[in-house]
Every structure is written in structure tokens, then in C-alpha cells.
Amino acid sequence: MLFYSFFKFFGGKDVVMELKNDLSICGTLHSVDWYLNIKLTDISVTDPEKYPHMLSVKNCFILDSVVHFMQLPADEVNTQFLQDAARKEALQQKQRLPLFLFPPFSIGSP
């Protein structure tokens, strides 16, 4: 939930997506879903000589499993807010842990 909210903040901003197949795409972040799949508009490829077939593509949908890196505008990232939100979420998850973390022991021979 934390990263979903974080990426939703960057809607309408220009980002660079580096994919696992070494393709880098610049574009405007249009939307992000709960699975962190991303839709970009007005895209361009950083290396058009290597990927000429991508020159005609203007919008794309990127699955979360193929993303290697996402470059965000540095002046837009509020690291203090992100750290505080991560601490709060970790504390909430710690409070929700079950009382018994190990399977119950049986009485008798093993």
C-alpha cells in the first residue's frame, strides 16, 4: 500500500522506466494499479537505434514483473515523508503479527 500511494503521487510527472530487457522508456506516468503495473503516455525510447520498432508506440502498459528501475524526478521525492510512512507501516504490521509464530508442539514421541 505504501508504494502504491507513493507512485500515485507522481501521476502526470515525467519518469524513466528501465526494464529487465535493457529497454529504457521515458514517458509521463498516467496511472498505477494495486499490483504496481504502470501506464505511461507520450513515451519515447532512450536508444531508438537499438529499438526502432518502439518509435511508433506512444502509450504503453508495463507489468510490475518486468520493471528493473524507475527513475523519478529528484526534486519531487520527499524522502523524509517516505521514511516516516515506512516506519508507521512497519509498526502497524508488527502489531498485527500472530501470537504463535511457531507450529504447536505435540506431546509424545517425535
N, C-alpha and C. Protein backbone atom coordinates (compact mmCIF):
# COMPACT_ATOMS: atom_id res chain seq x y z
N MET A 1 0.83 -1.19 0.00
CA MET A 1 0.00 0.00 0.00
C MET A 1 0.87 1.26 0.00
N LEU A 2 2.01 1.18 0.68
CA LEU A 2 2.88 2.35 0.78
C LEU A 2 3.40 2.77 -0.59
N PHE A 3 3.91 1.82 -1.37
CA PHE A 3 4.47 2.17 -2.66
C PHE A 3 3.39 2.55 -3.66
N TYR A 4 2.22 1.96 -3.54
CA TYR A 4 1.10 2.34 -4.39
C TYR A 4 0.78 3.82 -4.18
N SER A 5 0.66 4.23 -2.94
CA SER A 5 0.37 5.64 -2.62
C SER A 5 1.51 6.54 -3.07
N PHE A 6 2.73 6.06 -2.90
CA PHE A 6 3.90 6.84 -3.29
C PHE A 6 3.92 7.09 -4.79
N PHE A 7 3.68 6.05 -5.59
CA PHE A 7 3.71 6.21 -7.04
C PHE A 7 2.49 6.98 -7.57
N LYS A 8 1.36 6.89 -6.89
CA LYS A 8 0.19 7.65 -7.31
C LYS A 8 0.47 9.15 -7.25
N PHE A 9 1.32 9.57 -6.33
CA PHE A 9 1.69 10.97 -6.19
C PHE A 9 2.37 11.50 -7.45
N PHE A 10 3.06 10.63 -8.18
CA PHE A 10 3.82 11.05 -9.36
C PHE A 10 3.01 11.02 -10.64
N GLY A 11 1.71 10.86 -10.55
CA GLY A 11 0.86 10.90 -11.72
C GLY A 11 1.00 12.22 -12.46
N GLY A 12 1.22 12.16 -13.77
CA GLY A 12 1.40 13.35 -14.56
C GLY A 12 2.84 13.84 -14.64
N LYS A 13 3.74 13.20 -13.93
CA LYS A 13 5.16 13.58 -13.96
C LYS A 13 5.91 12.73 -14.98
N ASP A 14 7.00 13.26 -15.49
CA ASP A 14 7.85 12.52 -16.42
C ASP A 14 8.78 11.60 -15.64
N VAL A 15 8.82 10.33 -16.06
CA VAL A 15 9.66 9.32 -15.41
C VAL A 15 10.41 8.53 -16.49
N VAL A 16 11.42 7.80 -16.05
CA VAL A 16 12.14 6.90 -16.94
C VAL A 16 12.03 5.50 -16.35
N MET A 17 11.54 4.57 -17.16
CA MET A 17 11.41 3.18 -16.74
C MET A 17 12.51 2.37 -17.41
N GLU A 18 13.31 1.69 -16.62
CA GLU A 18 14.31 0.77 -17.14
C GLU A 18 13.77 -0.64 -16.93
N LEU A 19 13.59 -1.37 -18.00
CA LEU A 19 13.02 -2.70 -17.94
C LEU A 19 14.11 -3.76 -17.87
N LYS A 20 13.73 -4.96 -17.52
CA LYS A 20 14.68 -6.05 -17.36
C LYS A 20 15.33 -6.48 -18.67
N ASN A 21 14.75 -6.13 -19.80
CA ASN A 21 15.34 -6.47 -21.09
C ASN A 21 16.21 -5.33 -21.62
N ASP A 22 16.67 -4.43 -20.75
CA ASP A 22 17.55 -3.30 -21.07
C ASP A 22 16.88 -2.21 -21.89
N LEU A 23 15.60 -2.21 -21.99
CA LEU A 23 14.86 -1.15 -22.69
C LEU A 23 14.55 -0.04 -21.69
N SER A 24 14.89 1.18 -22.05
CA SER A 24 14.59 2.34 -21.20
C SER A 24 13.55 3.20 -21.91
N ILE A 25 12.47 3.51 -21.20
CA ILE A 25 11.37 4.27 -21.77
C ILE A 25 11.14 5.52 -20.94
N CYS A 26 11.14 6.67 -21.60
CA CYS A 26 10.78 7.94 -20.95
C CYS A 26 9.31 8.21 -21.26
N GLY A 27 8.59 8.69 -20.28
CA GLY A 27 7.19 9.00 -20.52
C GLY A 27 6.55 9.65 -19.32
N THR A 28 5.29 10.00 -19.50
CA THR A 28 4.51 10.62 -18.43
C THR A 28 3.73 9.53 -17.71
N LEU A 29 3.88 9.47 -16.40
CA LEU A 29 3.18 8.46 -15.60
C LEU A 29 1.69 8.79 -15.61
N HIS A 30 0.92 7.90 -16.20
CA HIS A 30 -0.53 8.11 -16.30
C HIS A 30 -1.27 7.48 -15.13
N SER A 31 -0.94 6.21 -14.83
CA SER A 31 -1.63 5.53 -13.74
C SER A 31 -0.80 4.37 -13.20
N VAL A 32 -1.13 4.00 -11.97
CA VAL A 32 -0.52 2.86 -11.29
C VAL A 32 -1.64 2.09 -10.63
N ASP A 33 -1.60 0.75 -10.71
CA ASP A 33 -2.63 -0.03 -10.03
C ASP A 33 -2.06 -0.67 -8.76
N TRP A 34 -2.90 -1.43 -8.06
CA TRP A 34 -2.51 -2.03 -6.78
C TRP A 34 -1.35 -3.01 -6.92
N TYR A 35 -1.17 -3.58 -8.11
CA TYR A 35 -0.09 -4.53 -8.34
C TYR A 35 1.18 -3.83 -8.80
N LEU A 36 1.15 -2.50 -8.84
CA LEU A 36 2.24 -1.65 -9.30
C LEU A 36 2.52 -1.80 -10.78
N ASN A 37 1.51 -2.20 -11.55
CA ASN A 37 1.60 -2.12 -13.00
C ASN A 37 1.47 -0.65 -13.36
N ILE A 38 2.15 -0.24 -14.42
CA ILE A 38 2.27 1.18 -14.72
C ILE A 38 1.83 1.46 -16.15
N LYS A 39 1.09 2.56 -16.33
CA LYS A 39 0.72 3.01 -17.67
C LYS A 39 1.42 4.33 -17.93
N LEU A 40 2.16 4.40 -19.06
CA LEU A 40 2.86 5.61 -19.47
C LEU A 40 2.24 6.16 -20.73
N THR A 41 2.22 7.48 -20.85
CA THR A 41 1.75 8.14 -22.06
C THR A 41 2.89 9.00 -22.62
N ASP A 42 2.77 9.37 -23.88
CA ASP A 42 3.76 10.21 -24.56
C ASP A 42 5.18 9.64 -24.38
N ILE A 43 5.35 8.37 -24.70
CA ILE A 43 6.63 7.72 -24.44
C ILE A 43 7.63 7.94 -25.57
N SER A 44 8.88 7.82 -25.21
CA SER A 44 9.97 7.78 -26.18
C SER A 44 11.02 6.83 -25.63
N VAL A 45 11.75 6.22 -26.54
CA VAL A 45 12.78 5.26 -26.16
C VAL A 45 14.11 6.01 -26.09
N THR A 46 14.92 5.72 -25.06
CA THR A 46 16.19 6.42 -24.91
C THR A 46 17.22 5.99 -25.94
N ASP A 47 17.08 4.80 -26.51
CA ASP A 47 18.00 4.30 -27.53
C ASP A 47 17.21 3.86 -28.77
N PRO A 48 16.78 4.82 -29.60
CA PRO A 48 15.92 4.46 -30.74
C PRO A 48 16.64 3.63 -31.81
N GLU A 49 17.97 3.70 -31.89
CA GLU A 49 18.69 2.88 -32.86
C GLU A 49 18.60 1.40 -32.51
N LYS A 50 18.59 1.11 -31.24
CA LYS A 50 18.53 -0.29 -30.78
C LYS A 50 17.11 -0.84 -30.84
N TYR A 51 16.11 0.02 -30.64
CA TYR A 51 14.71 -0.39 -30.62
C TYR A 51 13.88 0.44 -31.60
N PRO A 52 14.12 0.33 -32.92
CA PRO A 52 13.38 1.16 -33.88
C PRO A 52 11.89 0.85 -33.94
N HIS A 53 11.51 -0.37 -33.57
CA HIS A 53 10.09 -0.74 -33.60
C HIS A 53 9.28 -0.01 -32.52
N MET A 54 9.95 0.60 -31.55
CA MET A 54 9.25 1.31 -30.48
C MET A 54 8.98 2.78 -30.84
N LEU A 55 9.47 3.24 -31.97
CA LEU A 55 9.29 4.65 -32.34
C LEU A 55 7.83 5.00 -32.60
N SER A 56 7.05 4.05 -33.06
CA SER A 56 5.64 4.34 -33.37
C SER A 56 4.72 4.20 -32.15
N VAL A 57 5.24 3.70 -31.05
CA VAL A 57 4.42 3.49 -29.84
C VAL A 57 4.37 4.80 -29.04
N LYS A 58 3.18 5.20 -28.66
CA LYS A 58 3.02 6.46 -27.91
C LYS A 58 2.55 6.23 -26.47
N ASN A 59 1.86 5.13 -26.21
CA ASN A 59 1.39 4.78 -24.87
C ASN A 59 1.74 3.34 -24.60
N CYS A 60 1.98 2.99 -23.33
CA CYS A 60 2.28 1.59 -23.02
C CYS A 60 1.83 1.24 -21.60
N PHE A 61 1.62 -0.03 -21.41
CA PHE A 61 1.26 -0.60 -20.11
C PHE A 61 2.39 -1.53 -19.72
N ILE A 62 3.00 -1.32 -18.56
CA ILE A 62 4.17 -2.08 -18.14
C ILE A 62 3.81 -2.91 -16.92
N LEU A 63 4.00 -4.22 -17.03
CA LEU A 63 3.76 -5.10 -15.89
C LEU A 63 4.83 -4.89 -14.83
N ASP A 64 4.45 -5.03 -13.58
CA ASP A 64 5.38 -4.82 -12.48
C ASP A 64 6.56 -5.79 -12.52
N SER A 65 6.36 -6.98 -13.05
CA SER A 65 7.40 -8.00 -13.03
C SER A 65 8.53 -7.74 -14.02
N VAL A 66 8.36 -6.80 -14.95
CA VAL A 66 9.41 -6.52 -15.93
C VAL A 66 10.18 -5.24 -15.63
N VAL A 67 9.81 -4.55 -14.56
CA VAL A 67 10.48 -3.29 -14.21
C VAL A 67 11.76 -3.60 -13.45
N HIS A 68 12.84 -2.99 -13.92
CA HIS A 68 14.12 -3.13 -13.22
C HIS A 68 14.36 -1.90 -12.34
N PHE A 69 14.24 -0.71 -12.91
CA PHE A 69 14.37 0.54 -12.16
C PHE A 69 13.33 1.53 -12.64
N MET A 70 13.01 2.46 -11.76
CA MET A 70 12.14 3.56 -12.13
C MET A 70 12.80 4.84 -11.64
N GLN A 71 13.14 5.73 -12.57
CA GLN A 71 13.77 7.00 -12.22
C GLN A 71 12.70 8.06 -12.07
N LEU A 72 12.65 8.65 -10.90
CA LEU A 72 11.67 9.68 -10.58
C LEU A 72 12.34 11.04 -10.54
N PRO A 73 11.60 12.12 -10.71
CA PRO A 73 12.20 13.46 -10.59
C PRO A 73 12.72 13.67 -9.17
N ALA A 74 14.00 13.94 -9.03
CA ALA A 74 14.64 14.03 -7.71
C ALA A 74 14.05 15.15 -6.86
N ASP A 75 13.69 16.25 -7.47
CA ASP A 75 13.17 17.37 -6.69
C ASP A 75 11.74 17.14 -6.21
N GLU A 76 11.09 16.10 -6.71
CA GLU A 76 9.71 15.79 -6.31
C GLU A 76 9.63 14.75 -5.19
N VAL A 77 10.72 14.03 -4.93
CA VAL A 77 10.70 12.94 -3.95
C VAL A 77 10.91 13.50 -2.55
N ASN A 78 9.97 13.25 -1.67
CA ASN A 78 10.05 13.67 -0.28
C ASN A 78 10.52 12.47 0.54
N THR A 79 11.83 12.35 0.71
CA THR A 79 12.38 11.16 1.38
C THR A 79 11.99 11.10 2.86
N GLN A 80 11.89 12.24 3.50
CA GLN A 80 11.51 12.24 4.92
C GLN A 80 10.10 11.68 5.10
N PHE A 81 9.18 12.10 4.26
CA PHE A 81 7.81 11.58 4.33
C PHE A 81 7.78 10.08 4.05
N LEU A 82 8.56 9.64 3.06
CA LEU A 82 8.60 8.22 2.72
C LEU A 82 9.17 7.38 3.86
N GLN A 83 10.22 7.86 4.51
CA GLN A 83 10.79 7.14 5.65
C GLN A 83 9.81 7.07 6.81
N ASP A 84 9.13 8.17 7.11
CA ASP A 84 8.15 8.17 8.20
C ASP A 84 6.99 7.22 7.89
N ALA A 85 6.52 7.23 6.66
CA ALA A 85 5.42 6.34 6.28
C ALA A 85 5.85 4.88 6.35
N ALA A 86 7.08 4.58 5.97
CA ALA A 86 7.58 3.21 6.05
C ALA A 86 7.67 2.75 7.50
N ARG A 87 8.11 3.63 8.38
CA ARG A 87 8.19 3.27 9.81
C ARG A 87 6.80 2.99 10.38
N LYS A 88 5.83 3.85 10.03
CA LYS A 88 4.47 3.66 10.53
C LYS A 88 3.87 2.36 10.03
N GLU A 89 4.08 2.06 8.76
CA GLU A 89 3.54 0.81 8.20
C GLU A 89 4.21 -0.41 8.83
N ALA A 90 5.52 -0.35 9.06
CA ALA A 90 6.22 -1.46 9.70
C ALA A 90 5.71 -1.67 11.13
N LEU A 91 5.45 -0.59 11.83
CA LEU A 91 4.92 -0.70 13.20
C LEU A 91 3.53 -1.31 13.19
N GLN A 92 2.70 -0.92 12.24
CA GLN A 92 1.35 -1.48 12.14
C GLN A 92 1.41 -2.97 11.82
N GLN A 93 2.30 -3.38 10.93
CA GLN A 93 2.41 -4.79 10.58
C GLN A 93 2.96 -5.59 11.76
N LYS A 94 3.86 -5.01 12.53
CA LYS A 94 4.41 -5.70 13.69
C LYS A 94 3.32 -5.93 14.75
N GLN A 95 2.41 -4.98 14.88
CA GLN A 95 1.34 -5.12 15.85
C GLN A 95 0.31 -6.17 15.42
N ARG A 96 0.26 -6.47 14.13
CA ARG A 96 -0.70 -7.46 13.62
C ARG A 96 -0.15 -8.87 13.58
N LEU A 97 1.10 -9.09 14.03
CA LEU A 97 1.68 -10.43 14.00
C LEU A 97 0.91 -11.37 14.93
N PRO A 98 0.76 -12.63 14.56
CA PRO A 98 0.08 -13.57 15.44
C PRO A 98 0.91 -13.85 16.69
N LEU A 99 0.24 -14.29 17.74
CA LEU A 99 0.94 -14.58 18.99
C LEU A 99 1.84 -15.79 18.87
N PHE A 100 1.44 -16.78 18.12
CA PHE A 100 2.21 -18.00 17.98
C PHE A 100 2.85 -18.02 16.59
N LEU A 101 4.16 -17.84 16.58
CA LEU A 101 4.86 -17.82 15.31
C LEU A 101 5.34 -19.21 14.90
N PHE A 102 5.36 -20.13 15.83
CA PHE A 102 5.86 -21.47 15.55
C PHE A 102 4.69 -22.45 15.60
N PRO A 103 4.80 -23.56 14.88
CA PRO A 103 3.71 -24.55 14.95
C PRO A 103 3.64 -25.14 16.36
N PRO A 104 2.47 -25.55 16.78
CA PRO A 104 2.34 -26.12 18.14
C PRO A 104 3.12 -27.41 18.26
N PHE A 105 3.68 -27.62 19.43
CA PHE A 105 4.43 -28.84 19.68
C PHE A 105 3.47 -29.94 20.11
N SER A 106 3.73 -31.13 19.63
CA SER A 106 2.91 -32.26 20.04
C SER A 106 3.54 -32.94 21.25
N ILE A 107 2.70 -33.44 22.12
CA ILE A 107 3.17 -34.15 23.31
C ILE A 107 3.31 -35.61 22.95
N GLY A 108 4.43 -36.16 23.28
CA GLY A 108 4.65 -37.56 22.97
C GLY A 108 5.96 -37.74 22.21
N SER A 109 6.07 -38.92 21.58
CA SER A 109 7.30 -39.22 20.85
C SER A 109 7.30 -38.50 19.51
N PRO A 110 8.50 -38.16 19.01
CA PRO A 110 8.58 -37.44 17.75
C PRO A 110 8.22 -38.25 16.55
